[in-house]
Amino acid sequence: MDKYLYALAAQEFDTTESDQDLYLKSLVESDGDAEKARLYYIRGRAKELEKVDSPQQSAFSTEK
């Protein structure tokens, strides 16, 4: 997974644009530990962004 996806997810977390449902899930999975929840959020969101970004990357990789 590209590092920029993690950076993008972290930036998103630190703004009001974060996915509140994903944050709630992350908070539950971390047993209420806010710092761990942040890390879980970033990991989960980066995976989501990778899925969205993958079609674009494959389209560019086929261009000559």
Protein backbone atom coordinates (compact mmCIF):
# COMPACT_ATOMS: atom_id res chain seq x y z
CA MET A 1 0.00 0.00 0.00
CA ASP A 2 1.34 3.42 -0.90
CA LYS A 3 2.54 5.69 1.91
CA TYR A 4 0.58 8.62 0.54
CA LEU A 5 -2.68 6.80 1.31
CA TYR A 6 -1.71 6.63 4.97
CA ALA A 7 -0.77 10.30 4.93
CA LEU A 8 -4.06 11.19 3.28
CA ALA A 9 -6.01 9.16 5.84
CA ALA A 10 -4.12 10.79 8.72
CA GLN A 11 -4.77 14.25 7.31
CA GLU A 12 -8.43 13.39 6.89
CA PHE A 13 -8.62 12.13 10.49
CA ASP A 14 -7.18 15.39 11.79
CA THR A 15 -9.87 17.42 10.03
CA THR A 16 -13.64 17.53 10.28
CA GLU A 17 -13.81 15.46 7.08
CA SER A 18 -13.22 12.16 8.89
CA ASP A 19 -15.63 9.26 8.53
CA GLN A 20 -17.44 9.24 11.87
CA ASP A 21 -18.77 5.70 11.40
CA LEU A 22 -15.28 4.36 10.79
CA TYR A 23 -13.98 6.30 13.79
CA LEU A 24 -16.69 4.82 16.02
CA LYS A 25 -15.80 1.32 14.81
CA SER A 26 -12.11 2.05 15.45
CA LEU A 27 -12.88 3.34 18.94
CA VAL A 28 -14.82 0.18 19.79
CA GLU A 29 -12.07 -2.06 18.42
CA SER A 30 -9.50 -0.20 20.52
CA ASP A 31 -11.55 -0.58 23.72
CA GLY A 32 -11.89 3.18 24.01
CA ASP A 33 -8.21 4.02 23.59
CA ALA A 34 -8.29 7.20 21.49
CA GLU A 35 -4.70 6.93 20.20
CA LYS A 36 -5.17 3.31 19.13
CA ALA A 37 -8.50 4.28 17.56
CA ARG A 38 -6.69 6.92 15.50
CA LEU A 39 -4.24 4.29 14.24
CA TYR A 40 -7.03 1.81 13.46
CA TYR A 41 -8.89 4.58 11.64
CA ILE A 42 -5.86 5.47 9.53
CA ARG A 43 -5.24 1.83 8.62
CA GLY A 44 -8.89 1.20 7.75
CA ARG A 45 -9.31 4.40 5.79
CA ALA A 46 -6.09 3.83 3.85
CA LYS A 47 -7.45 0.43 2.79
CA GLU A 48 -10.68 2.09 1.64
CA LEU A 49 -8.71 4.69 -0.31
CA GLU A 50 -6.60 1.96 -1.90
CA LYS A 51 -9.75 0.31 -3.25
CA VAL A 52 -10.88 3.59 -4.76
CA ASP A 53 -7.42 4.38 -6.13
CA SER A 54 -6.72 0.94 -7.64
CA PRO A 55 -8.75 1.36 -10.86
CA GLN A 56 -6.93 4.61 -11.57
CA GLN A 57 -3.53 3.04 -10.99
CA SER A 58 -4.30 0.10 -13.25
CA ALA A 59 -5.55 2.44 -15.97
CA PHE A 60 -2.30 4.42 -15.85
CA SER A 61 -0.14 1.31 -15.82
CA THR A 62 -1.62 0.15 -19.15
CA GLU A 63 -0.89 3.43 -20.91
CA LYS A 64 2.22 3.60 -23.11
